[in-house]
Protein backbone atom coordinates (compact mmCIF):
# COMPACT_ATOMS: atom_id res chain seq x y z
CA MET A 1 -4.31 35.32 132.53
CA ASP A 2 -6.21 33.37 135.12
CA TYR A 3 -4.37 30.05 134.79
CA LYS A 4 -6.10 28.46 137.78
CA ARG A 5 -9.49 28.86 136.10
CA ILE A 6 -8.17 27.42 132.85
CA LEU A 7 -6.99 24.42 134.84
CA VAL A 8 -10.39 24.16 136.58
CA ALA A 9 -12.16 24.12 133.21
CA ALA A 10 -9.71 21.51 131.88
CA LEU A 11 -10.25 19.35 134.97
CA PHE A 12 -14.01 19.67 134.45
CA VAL A 13 -13.66 18.33 130.91
CA MET A 14 -11.41 15.53 132.15
CA PHE A 15 -13.91 14.39 134.78
CA ILE A 16 -16.90 14.65 132.45
CA SER A 17 -15.03 12.51 129.91
CA LEU A 18 -14.13 9.98 132.60
CA ILE A 19 -17.72 9.72 133.86
CA ILE A 20 -19.35 9.45 130.43
CA HIS A 21 -16.79 7.00 129.03
CA THR A 22 -16.97 4.84 132.15
CA ALA A 23 -20.76 4.69 131.95
CA GLY A 24 -20.50 3.96 128.23
CA SER A 25 -18.05 1.14 128.82
CA PHE A 26 -20.55 -0.57 131.11
CA LEU A 27 -23.25 -0.26 128.46
CA ASP A 28 -20.86 -1.51 125.75
CA MET A 29 -19.25 -4.27 127.82
CA ASP A 30 -20.30 -6.98 125.34
CA TYR A 31 -18.10 -5.36 122.68
CA TYR A 32 -15.12 -5.16 125.02
CA THR A 33 -15.40 -8.74 126.26
CA ASN A 34 -16.15 -10.34 122.89
CA SER A 35 -13.08 -12.38 121.93
CA GLU A 36 -13.60 -11.47 118.25
CA ASN A 37 -12.75 -7.86 119.14
CA PHE A 38 -9.62 -8.52 121.24
CA SER A 39 -7.33 -7.69 118.33
CA LEU A 40 -8.81 -4.17 118.21
CA TRP A 41 -7.57 -3.10 121.64
CA SER A 42 -4.12 -1.76 122.40
CA ASN A 43 -1.84 -3.39 124.94
CA ILE A 44 -2.36 -0.32 127.13
CA MET A 45 -6.12 -0.82 127.20
CA MET A 46 -6.14 -4.58 127.45
CA PRO A 47 -2.78 -6.05 128.39
CA ASP A 48 -4.55 -9.26 129.40
CA ILE A 49 -8.10 -10.55 129.35
CA GLY A 50 -9.97 -8.50 131.91
CA PRO A 51 -10.29 -4.86 132.85
CA PRO A 52 -7.70 -2.31 131.75
CA GLY A 53 -4.67 -1.74 133.94
CA ILE A 54 -3.85 1.33 135.96
CA GLU A 55 -1.71 2.68 133.10
CA PHE A 56 -4.79 2.94 130.92
CA TYR A 57 -6.69 4.97 133.50
CA GLY A 58 -3.69 7.18 134.22
CA LEU A 59 -3.17 7.94 130.54
CA SER A 60 -6.91 8.51 130.10
CA LEU A 61 -6.81 11.17 132.79
CA VAL A 62 -3.71 12.82 131.31
CA PHE A 63 -5.19 12.81 127.81
CA GLY A 64 -8.51 14.11 129.17
CA LEU A 65 -6.71 16.96 130.91
CA ILE A 66 -4.78 17.86 127.75
CA THR A 67 -8.02 17.79 125.76
CA GLY A 68 -9.65 20.01 128.37
CA LEU A 69 -6.80 22.50 128.13
CA ILE A 70 -7.07 22.58 124.34
CA PHE A 71 -10.86 23.03 124.43
CA THR A 72 -10.63 25.78 127.08
CA ILE A 73 -7.89 27.74 125.33
CA PHE A 74 -9.72 27.42 122.01
CA TYR A 75 -12.85 28.85 123.64
CA ILE A 76 -10.87 31.77 125.03
CA LEU A 77 -9.55 32.47 121.53
CA ILE A 78 -12.96 32.41 119.83
CA ALA A 79 -15.26 33.49 122.68
CA LYS A 80 -16.06 36.90 121.25
CA THR A 81 -17.27 35.33 118.00
CA ILE A 82 -19.90 33.23 119.76
CA ARG A 83 -22.72 35.60 120.62
CA GLN A 84 -25.56 33.63 122.17
CA LYS A 85 -27.87 35.14 124.80
CA THR A 86 -27.20 32.70 127.64
CA VAL A 87 -24.38 30.60 129.02
CA LEU A 88 -26.39 27.46 128.24
CA LYS A 89 -26.95 28.39 124.59
CA THR A 90 -23.35 29.53 124.17
CA GLY A 91 -22.02 26.37 125.83
CA LEU A 92 -24.20 24.05 123.77
CA PHE A 93 -23.22 25.90 120.59
CA TYR A 94 -19.55 25.62 121.53
CA GLY A 95 -19.93 21.94 122.45
CA ILE A 96 -21.57 21.12 119.13
CA LEU A 97 -18.83 23.08 117.35
CA LEU A 98 -16.20 21.02 119.19
CA PHE A 99 -18.00 17.81 118.29
CA ILE A 100 -18.20 18.72 114.60
CA LEU A 101 -14.57 19.89 114.39
CA THR A 102 -12.94 17.15 116.44
CA GLN A 103 -15.11 14.05 116.58
CA ILE A 104 -16.73 13.78 113.16
CA PRO A 105 -13.40 13.64 111.27
CA MET A 106 -12.01 11.14 113.80
CA ILE A 107 -15.08 8.91 113.55
CA PHE A 108 -14.86 8.88 109.75
CA SER A 109 -11.21 7.89 110.00
CA MET A 110 -11.90 5.14 112.53
CA PHE A 111 -14.65 3.74 110.32
CA LEU A 112 -12.28 3.60 107.34
CA LEU A 113 -9.19 2.33 109.16
CA PHE A 114 -10.37 -0.04 111.87
CA ALA A 115 -12.79 -2.96 112.08
CA ILE A 116 -14.72 -1.47 114.97
CA PRO A 117 -18.26 -2.85 115.30
CA ILE A 118 -20.73 -0.25 114.04
CA GLY A 119 -22.76 -0.41 117.26
CA LEU A 120 -19.69 0.44 119.33
CA LEU A 121 -18.72 3.23 116.95
CA LEU A 122 -22.22 4.72 117.22
CA SER A 123 -22.01 4.48 121.01
CA TRP A 124 -18.71 6.36 120.92
CA VAL A 125 -20.32 9.02 118.70
CA LEU A 126 -23.12 9.52 121.21
CA GLN A 127 -20.70 9.58 124.15
CA SER A 128 -18.53 12.14 122.35
CA LEU A 129 -21.52 14.35 121.62
CA ILE A 130 -22.64 14.27 125.26
CA ILE A 131 -19.13 14.99 126.50
CA ALA A 132 -18.68 17.88 124.05
CA MET A 133 -22.00 19.49 124.95
CA ILE A 134 -21.55 19.22 128.73
CA SER A 135 -17.92 20.32 128.41
CA GLY A 136 -18.93 23.29 126.28
CA VAL A 137 -21.41 24.51 128.88
CA GLY A 138 -18.90 23.98 131.70
CA ILE A 139 -16.08 25.75 129.89
CA VAL A 140 -18.26 28.72 128.97
CA TYR A 141 -19.55 29.05 132.52
CA ILE A 142 -16.11 28.76 134.12
CA VAL A 143 -14.41 31.12 131.67
CA ARG A 144 -17.18 33.69 131.38
CA TYR A 145 -18.01 33.98 135.06
CA THR A 146 -14.78 33.25 136.85
CA CYS A 147 -11.88 34.34 134.63
CA LYS A 148 -10.55 37.83 134.18
CA PHE A 149 -9.76 37.89 130.47
CA ASN A 150 -10.60 41.40 129.34
CA ASP A 151 -14.27 40.73 128.72
CA VAL A 152 -13.92 37.23 127.18
CA GLY A 153 -17.25 35.95 125.96
CA SER A 154 -19.18 39.03 126.99
CA LEU A 155 -22.77 39.33 125.91
CA GLY A 156 -22.45 43.01 125.08
């Protein structure tokens, strides 16, 4: 197996997640700074009033990398079942599949279990969809065109 390429795809997912979530946090800053919502945040995210500490960002990167590894390995396992004509179509299909399988159940659970403002929850849904779609395209491109996996994701 081409482990370096799997790592590259996982790093791609990690960085896409970091960029999209960082941009989203700027757009959603009112939710994060509203004192009514302080009880929602973990001590890792908000140990004090103000921006998260370095531990939060470090764990975010680690969790993003693990997620990227899972998404990449899952694609390798199911690549031959996704038969779209282009990398873009295949990647978008895979990204939407990831979103439906991973994010929809989690969002339902968060809505039921936590008092997260609906606007923030909807923002997270949109961020997750964007991340999944961009990640899907990136993973498909990296795996299909750079890995040597016995014809993984071939169009034939």
